[in-house]
Amino acid sequence: HAFGAKKKLGGEWKMCGSIADFTSFSFHAV
């Protein structure tokens, strides 16, 4: 659900996809 989400970590914004060791995204129709 989170392609394009971001979070402030250690005072710096990080994009979802660069936070966990590995990340999977869905591009399903919904």
PDB file of all heavy atoms in Angstrom:
ATOM      1  N   HIS A   1       0.816  -1.226   0.000  1.00  0.00           N
ATOM      2  CA  HIS A   1       0.000   0.000   0.000  1.00  0.00           C
ATOM      3  C   HIS A   1       0.845   1.270   0.000  1.00  0.00           C
ATOM      4  O   HIS A   1       0.279   2.363  -0.063  1.00  0.00           O
ATOM      5  CB  HIS A   1      -0.878   0.047   1.255  1.00  0.00           C
ATOM      6  CG  HIS A   1      -1.842  -1.074   1.390  1.00  0.00           C
ATOM      7  ND1 HIS A   1      -2.605  -1.273   2.526  1.00  0.00           N
ATOM      8  CD2 HIS A   1      -2.195  -2.068   0.532  1.00  0.00           C
ATOM      9  CE1 HIS A   1      -3.363  -2.340   2.369  1.00  0.00           C
ATOM     10  NE2 HIS A   1      -3.129  -2.841   1.169  1.00  0.00           N
ATOM     11  N   ALA A   2       2.157   1.165   0.123  1.00  0.00           N
ATOM     12  CA  ALA A   2       2.951   2.309   0.580  1.00  0.00           C
ATOM     13  C   ALA A   2       3.943   2.865  -0.434  1.00  0.00           C
ATOM     14  O   ALA A   2       4.907   3.533  -0.053  1.00  0.00           O
ATOM     15  CB  ALA A   2       3.683   1.934   1.867  1.00  0.00           C
ATOM     16  N   PHE A   3       3.718   2.642  -1.728  1.00  0.00           N
ATOM     17  CA  PHE A   3       4.629   3.193  -2.730  1.00  0.00           C
ATOM     18  C   PHE A   3       4.489   4.716  -2.765  1.00  0.00           C
ATOM     19  O   PHE A   3       3.446   5.250  -3.142  1.00  0.00           O
ATOM     20  CB  PHE A   3       4.318   2.609  -4.115  1.00  0.00           C
ATOM     21  CG  PHE A   3       5.273   3.037  -5.186  1.00  0.00           C
ATOM     22  CD1 PHE A   3       6.585   2.599  -5.183  1.00  0.00           C
ATOM     23  CD2 PHE A   3       4.863   3.878  -6.204  1.00  0.00           C
ATOM     24  CE1 PHE A   3       7.475   2.998  -6.167  1.00  0.00           C
ATOM     25  CE2 PHE A   3       5.739   4.284  -7.198  1.00  0.00           C
ATOM     26  CZ  PHE A   3       7.047   3.840  -7.174  1.00  0.00           C
ATOM     27  N   GLY A   4       5.534   5.398  -2.319  1.00  0.00           N
ATOM     28  CA  GLY A   4       5.501   6.859  -2.252  1.00  0.00           C
ATOM     29  C   GLY A   4       5.372   7.409  -0.853  1.00  0.00           C
ATOM     30  O   GLY A   4       5.438   8.619  -0.650  1.00  0.00           O
ATOM     31  N   ALA A   5       5.215   6.519   0.139  1.00  0.00           N
ATOM     32  CA  ALA A   5       5.176   6.972   1.537  1.00  0.00           C
ATOM     33  C   ALA A   5       6.584   7.340   1.992  1.00  0.00           C
ATOM     34  O   ALA A   5       7.581   6.862   1.448  1.00  0.00           O
ATOM     35  CB  ALA A   5       4.601   5.878   2.426  1.00  0.00           C
ATOM     36  N   LYS A   6       6.663   8.190   3.012  1.00  0.00           N
ATOM     37  CA  LYS A   6       7.975   8.531   3.562  1.00  0.00           C
ATOM     38  C   LYS A   6       7.867   8.784   5.057  1.00  0.00           C
ATOM     39  O   LYS A   6       6.781   9.054   5.583  1.00  0.00           O
ATOM     40  CB  LYS A   6       8.574   9.748   2.853  1.00  0.00           C
ATOM     41  CG  LYS A   6       7.731  10.996   2.858  1.00  0.00           C
ATOM     42  CD  LYS A   6       8.398  12.079   1.998  1.00  0.00           C
ATOM     43  CE  LYS A   6       7.547  13.334   1.904  1.00  0.00           C
ATOM     44  NZ  LYS A   6       8.194  14.365   1.060  1.00  0.00           N
ATOM     45  N   LYS A   7       9.012   8.672   5.713  1.00  0.00           N
ATOM     46  CA  LYS A   7       9.044   8.831   7.168  1.00  0.00           C
ATOM     47  C   LYS A   7      10.340   9.508   7.571  1.00  0.00           C
ATOM     48  O   LYS A   7      11.390   9.288   6.949  1.00  0.00           O
ATOM     49  CB  LYS A   7       8.921   7.463   7.846  1.00  0.00           C
ATOM     50  CG  LYS A   7       8.695   7.534   9.347  1.00  0.00           C
ATOM     51  CD  LYS A   7       8.110   6.237   9.870  1.00  0.00           C
ATOM     52  CE  LYS A   7       7.697   6.367  11.321  1.00  0.00           C
ATOM     53  NZ  LYS A   7       6.938   5.194  11.799  1.00  0.00           N
ATOM     54  N   LYS A   8      10.268  10.317   8.616  1.00  0.00           N
ATOM     55  CA  LYS A   8      11.459  10.998   9.120  1.00  0.00           C
ATOM     56  C   LYS A   8      12.170  10.072  10.103  1.00  0.00           C
ATOM     57  O   LYS A   8      11.611   9.684  11.131  1.00  0.00           O
ATOM     58  CB  LYS A   8      11.081  12.312   9.796  1.00  0.00           C
ATOM     59  CG  LYS A   8      12.258  13.224  10.070  1.00  0.00           C
ATOM     60  CD  LYS A   8      11.818  14.593  10.593  1.00  0.00           C
ATOM     61  CE  LYS A   8      11.301  15.475   9.482  1.00  0.00           C
ATOM     62  NZ  LYS A   8      11.044  16.860   9.956  1.00  0.00           N
ATOM     63  N   LEU A   9      13.385   9.704   9.767  1.00  0.00           N
ATOM     64  CA  LEU A   9      14.192   8.803  10.595  1.00  0.00           C
ATOM     65  C   LEU A   9      15.533   9.475  10.860  1.00  0.00           C
ATOM     66  O   LEU A   9      16.243   9.834   9.920  1.00  0.00           O
ATOM     67  CB  LEU A   9      14.405   7.459   9.887  1.00  0.00           C
ATOM     68  CG  LEU A   9      13.126   6.669   9.554  1.00  0.00           C
ATOM     69  CD1 LEU A   9      13.439   5.500   8.631  1.00  0.00           C
ATOM     70  CD2 LEU A   9      12.462   6.171  10.825  1.00  0.00           C
ATOM     71  N   GLY A  10      15.864   9.645  12.144  1.00  0.00           N
ATOM     72  CA  GLY A  10      17.099  10.330  12.486  1.00  0.00           C
ATOM     73  C   GLY A  10      17.140  11.746  11.964  1.00  0.00           C
ATOM     74  O   GLY A  10      18.203  12.257  11.596  1.00  0.00           O
ATOM     75  N   GLY A  11      15.954  12.381  11.894  1.00  0.00           N
ATOM     76  CA  GLY A  11      15.879  13.765  11.434  1.00  0.00           C
ATOM     77  C   GLY A  11      15.882  13.931   9.930  1.00  0.00           C
ATOM     78  O   GLY A  11      15.842  15.060   9.424  1.00  0.00           O
ATOM     79  N   GLU A  12      15.901  12.813   9.190  1.00  0.00           N
ATOM     80  CA  GLU A  12      15.972  12.876   7.721  1.00  0.00           C
ATOM     81  C   GLU A  12      14.815  12.084   7.112  1.00  0.00           C
ATOM     82  O   GLU A  12      14.502  10.987   7.558  1.00  0.00           O
ATOM     83  CB  GLU A  12      17.312  12.282   7.259  1.00  0.00           C
ATOM     84  CG  GLU A  12      17.536  12.318   5.771  1.00  0.00           C
ATOM     85  CD  GLU A  12      18.870  11.688   5.375  1.00  0.00           C
ATOM     86  OE1 GLU A  12      19.690  11.423   6.277  1.00  0.00           O
ATOM     87  OE2 GLU A  12      19.070  11.450   4.175  1.00  0.00           O
ATOM     88  N   TRP A  13      14.180  12.661   6.087  1.00  0.00           N
ATOM     89  CA  TRP A  13      13.083  11.967   5.417  1.00  0.00           C
ATOM     90  C   TRP A  13      13.622  10.806   4.589  1.00  0.00           C
ATOM     91  O   TRP A  13      14.571  10.965   3.823  1.00  0.00           O
ATOM     92  CB  TRP A  13      12.309  12.908   4.509  1.00  0.00           C
ATOM     93  CG  TRP A  13      11.423  13.867   5.248  1.00  0.00           C
ATOM     94  CD1 TRP A  13      11.680  15.171   5.535  1.00  0.00           C
ATOM     95  CD2 TRP A  13      10.138  13.574   5.816  1.00  0.00           C
ATOM     96  NE1 TRP A  13      10.630  15.722   6.238  1.00  0.00           N
ATOM     97  CE2 TRP A  13       9.669  14.767   6.424  1.00  0.00           C
ATOM     98  CE3 TRP A  13       9.341  12.431   5.869  1.00  0.00           C
ATOM     99  CZ2 TRP A  13       8.445  14.835   7.073  1.00  0.00           C
ATOM    100  CZ3 TRP A  13       8.112  12.498   6.516  1.00  0.00           C
ATOM    101  CH2 TRP A  13       7.672  13.693   7.111  1.00  0.00           C
ATOM    102  N   LYS A  14      13.009   9.626   4.755  1.00  0.00           N
ATOM    103  CA  LYS A  14      13.384   8.434   3.998  1.00  0.00           C
ATOM    104  C   LYS A  14      12.155   7.918   3.247  1.00  0.00           C
ATOM    105  O   LYS A  14      11.065   7.836   3.811  1.00  0.00           O
ATOM    106  CB  LYS A  14      13.890   7.334   4.933  1.00  0.00           C
ATOM    107  CG  LYS A  14      15.183   7.676   5.658  1.00  0.00           C
ATOM    108  CD  LYS A  14      16.380   7.458   4.762  1.00  0.00           C
ATOM    109  CE  LYS A  14      17.675   7.604   5.542  1.00  0.00           C
ATOM    110  NZ  LYS A  14      18.863   7.416   4.670  1.00  0.00           N
ATOM    111  N   MET A  15      12.373   7.551   2.006  1.00  0.00           N
ATOM    112  CA  MET A  15      11.282   7.006   1.208  1.00  0.00           C
ATOM    113  C   MET A  15      11.074   5.531   1.519  1.00  0.00           C
ATOM    114  O   MET A  15      12.037   4.790   1.740  1.00  0.00           O
ATOM    115  CB  MET A  15      11.584   7.154  -0.286  1.00  0.00           C
ATOM    116  CG  MET A  15      11.590   8.575  -0.789  1.00  0.00           C
ATOM    117  SD  MET A  15       9.979   9.398  -0.671  1.00  0.00           S
ATOM    118  CE  MET A  15       9.001   8.420  -1.819  1.00  0.00           C
ATOM    119  N   CYS A  16       9.811   5.125   1.526  1.00  0.00           N
ATOM    120  CA  CYS A  16       9.515   3.708   1.612  1.00  0.00           C
ATOM    121  C   CYS A  16      10.201   3.013   0.432  1.00  0.00           C
ATOM    122  O   CYS A  16      10.156   3.500  -0.696  1.00  0.00           O
ATOM    123  CB  CYS A  16       8.006   3.484   1.544  1.00  0.00           C
ATOM    124  SG  CYS A  16       7.503   1.789   1.795  1.00  0.00           S
ATOM    125  N   GLY A  17      10.840   1.909   0.713  1.00  0.00           N
ATOM    126  CA  GLY A  17      11.648   1.225  -0.291  1.00  0.00           C
ATOM    127  C   GLY A  17      13.118   1.312   0.033  1.00  0.00           C
ATOM    128  O   GLY A  17      13.912   0.485  -0.430  1.00  0.00           O
ATOM    129  N   SER A  18      13.476   2.328   0.854  1.00  0.00           N
ATOM    130  CA  SER A  18      14.881   2.497   1.254  1.00  0.00           C
ATOM    131  C   SER A  18      15.045   2.370   2.766  1.00  0.00           C
ATOM    132  O   SER A  18      16.102   2.704   3.299  1.00  0.00           O
ATOM    133  CB  SER A  18      15.403   3.862   0.791  1.00  0.00           C
ATOM    134  OG  SER A  18      14.737   4.915   1.479  1.00  0.00           O
ATOM    135  N   ILE A  19      13.997   1.886   3.454  1.00  0.00           N
ATOM    136  CA  ILE A  19      14.021   1.808   4.919  1.00  0.00           C
ATOM    137  C   ILE A  19      14.261   0.379   5.386  1.00  0.00           C
ATOM    138  O   ILE A  19      15.204   0.111   6.136  1.00  0.00           O
ATOM    139  CB  ILE A  19      12.714   2.366   5.512  1.00  0.00           C
ATOM    140  CG1 ILE A  19      12.558   3.842   5.152  1.00  0.00           C
ATOM    141  CG2 ILE A  19      12.701   2.196   7.036  1.00  0.00           C
ATOM    142  CD1 ILE A  19      11.210   4.446   5.517  1.00  0.00           C
ATOM    143  N   ALA A  20      13.430  -0.553   4.966  1.00  0.00           N
ATOM    144  CA  ALA A  20      13.615  -1.967   5.316  1.00  0.00           C
ATOM    145  C   ALA A  20      14.769  -2.550   4.506  1.00  0.00           C
ATOM    146  O   ALA A  20      15.210  -1.971   3.509  1.00  0.00           O
ATOM    147  CB  ALA A  20      12.329  -2.744   5.051  1.00  0.00           C
ATOM    148  N   ASP A  21      15.247  -3.721   4.921  1.00  0.00           N
ATOM    149  CA  ASP A  21      16.302  -4.398   4.150  1.00  0.00           C
ATOM    150  C   ASP A  21      15.808  -4.686   2.734  1.00  0.00           C
ATOM    151  O   ASP A  21      16.516  -4.464   1.752  1.00  0.00           O
ATOM    152  CB  ASP A  21      16.701  -5.709   4.833  1.00  0.00           C
ATOM    153  CG  ASP A  21      17.345  -5.490   6.187  1.00  0.00           C
ATOM    154  OD1 ASP A  21      18.194  -4.589   6.308  1.00  0.00           O
ATOM    155  OD2 ASP A  21      16.988  -6.215   7.142  1.00  0.00           O
ATOM    156  N   PHE A  22      14.594  -5.200   2.645  1.00  0.00           N
ATOM    157  CA  PHE A  22      13.925  -5.456   1.365  1.00  0.00           C
ATOM    158  C   PHE A  22      12.495  -4.946   1.474  1.00  0.00           C
ATOM    159  O   PHE A  22      11.895  -4.986   2.550  1.00  0.00           O
ATOM    160  CB  PHE A  22      13.903  -6.954   1.028  1.00  0.00           C
ATOM    161  CG  PHE A  22      15.251  -7.542   0.737  1.00  0.00           C
ATOM    162  CD1 PHE A  22      16.051  -8.022   1.770  1.00  0.00           C
ATOM    163  CD2 PHE A  22      15.723  -7.634  -0.565  1.00  0.00           C
ATOM    164  CE1 PHE A  22      17.301  -8.571   1.512  1.00  0.00           C
ATOM    165  CE2 PHE A  22      16.967  -8.183  -0.835  1.00  0.00           C
ATOM    166  CZ  PHE A  22      17.759  -8.654   0.206  1.00  0.00           C
ATOM    167  N   THR A  23      11.949  -4.505   0.357  1.00  0.00           N
ATOM    168  CA  THR A  23      10.584  -3.966   0.339  1.00  0.00           C
ATOM    169  C   THR A  23       9.855  -4.480  -0.891  1.00  0.00           C
ATOM    170  O   THR A  23      10.428  -4.499  -1.989  1.00  0.00           O
ATOM    171  CB  THR A  23      10.606  -2.431   0.307  1.00  0.00           C
ATOM    172  OG1 THR A  23      11.319  -1.933   1.444  1.00  0.00           O
ATOM    173  CG2 THR A  23       9.200  -1.860   0.311  1.00  0.00           C
ATOM    174  N   SER A  24       8.596  -4.880  -0.716  1.00  0.00           N
ATOM    175  CA  SER A  24       7.767  -5.262  -1.865  1.00  0.00           C
ATOM    176  C   SER A  24       6.592  -4.298  -1.987  1.00  0.00           C
ATOM    177  O   SER A  24       5.976  -3.918  -0.996  1.00  0.00           O
ATOM    178  CB  SER A  24       7.262  -6.699  -1.723  1.00  0.00           C
ATOM    179  OG  SER A  24       6.475  -6.858  -0.561  1.00  0.00           O
ATOM    180  N   PHE A  25       6.319  -3.893  -3.228  1.00  0.00           N
ATOM    181  CA  PHE A  25       5.212  -2.988  -3.550  1.00  0.00           C
ATOM    182  C   PHE A  25       4.215  -3.698  -4.464  1.00  0.00           C
ATOM    183  O   PHE A  25       4.595  -4.578  -5.232  1.00  0.00           O
ATOM    184  CB  PHE A  25       5.714  -1.747  -4.299  1.00  0.00           C
ATOM    185  CG  PHE A  25       6.674  -0.883  -3.540  1.00  0.00           C
ATOM    186  CD1 PHE A  25       8.007  -0.826  -3.907  1.00  0.00           C
ATOM    187  CD2 PHE A  25       6.247  -0.118  -2.457  1.00  0.00           C
ATOM    188  CE1 PHE A  25       8.907  -0.016  -3.228  1.00  0.00           C
ATOM    189  CE2 PHE A  25       7.135   0.694  -1.772  1.00  0.00           C
ATOM    190  CZ  PHE A  25       8.468   0.747  -2.148  1.00  0.00           C
ATOM    191  N   SER A  26       2.954  -3.272  -4.389  1.00  0.00           N
ATOM    192  CA  SER A  26       1.928  -3.797  -5.281  1.00  0.00           C
ATOM    193  C   SER A  26       1.460  -2.727  -6.261  1.00  0.00           C
ATOM    194  O   SER A  26       1.241  -1.575  -5.876  1.00  0.00           O
ATOM    195  CB  SER A  26       0.717  -4.297  -4.486  1.00  0.00           C
ATOM    196  OG  SER A  26      -0.334  -4.679  -5.362  1.00  0.00           O
ATOM    197  N   PHE A  27       1.286  -3.147  -7.517  1.00  0.00           N
ATOM    198  CA  PHE A  27       0.699  -2.282  -8.548  1.00  0.00           C
ATOM    199  C   PHE A  27      -0.589  -2.913  -9.095  1.00  0.00           C
ATOM    200  O   PHE A  27      -0.931  -2.752 -10.271  1.00  0.00           O
ATOM    201  CB  PHE A  27       1.698  -2.042  -9.686  1.00  0.00           C
ATOM    202  CG  PHE A  27       3.005  -1.423  -9.239  1.00  0.00           C
ATOM    203  CD1 PHE A  27       4.208  -1.829  -9.795  1.00  0.00           C
ATOM    204  CD2 PHE A  27       3.024  -0.442  -8.258  1.00  0.00           C
ATOM    205  CE1 PHE A  27       5.409  -1.258  -9.396  1.00  0.00           C
ATOM    206  CE2 PHE A  27       4.229   0.133  -7.846  1.00  0.00           C
ATOM    207  CZ  PHE A  27       5.426  -0.280  -8.419  1.00  0.00           C
ATOM    208  N   HIS A  28      -1.280  -3.638  -8.222  1.00  0.00           N
ATOM    209  CA  HIS A  28      -2.560  -4.244  -8.581  1.00  0.00           C
ATOM    210  C   HIS A  28      -3.557  -3.162  -9.005  1.00  0.00           C
ATOM    211  O   HIS A  28      -3.356  -1.975  -8.727  1.00  0.00           O
ATOM    212  CB  HIS A  28      -3.087  -5.032  -7.377  1.00  0.00           C
ATOM    213  CG  HIS A  28      -4.420  -5.663  -7.568  1.00  0.00           C
ATOM    214  ND1 HIS A  28      -5.580  -5.074  -7.132  1.00  0.00           N
ATOM    215  CD2 HIS A  28      -4.773  -6.819  -8.162  1.00  0.00           C
ATOM    216  CE1 HIS A  28      -6.605  -5.850  -7.441  1.00  0.00           C
ATOM    217  NE2 HIS A  28      -6.144  -6.919  -8.062  1.00  0.00           N
ATOM    218  N   ALA A  29      -4.637  -3.583  -9.625  1.00  0.00           N
ATOM    219  CA  ALA A  29      -5.611  -2.649 -10.206  1.00  0.00           C
ATOM    220  C   ALA A  29      -6.181  -1.656  -9.203  1.00  0.00           C
ATOM    221  O   ALA A  29      -6.559  -0.538  -9.586  1.00  0.00           O
ATOM    222  CB  ALA A  29      -6.740  -3.431 -10.867  1.00  0.00           C
ATOM    223  N   VAL A  30      -6.262  -2.019  -7.920  1.00  0.00           N
ATOM    224  CA  VAL A  30      -6.859  -1.105  -6.938  1.00  0.00           C
ATOM    225  C   VAL A  30      -5.825  -0.218  -6.244  1.00  0.00           C
ATOM    226  O   VAL A  30      -6.192   0.611  -5.413  1.00  0.00           O
ATOM    227  CB  VAL A  30      -7.658  -1.878  -5.856  1.00  0.00           C
ATOM    228  CG1 VAL A  30      -8.754  -2.712  -6.486  1.00  0.00           C
ATOM    229  CG2 VAL A  30      -6.738  -2.745  -4.994  1.00  0.00           C
TER     230      VAL A  30
END
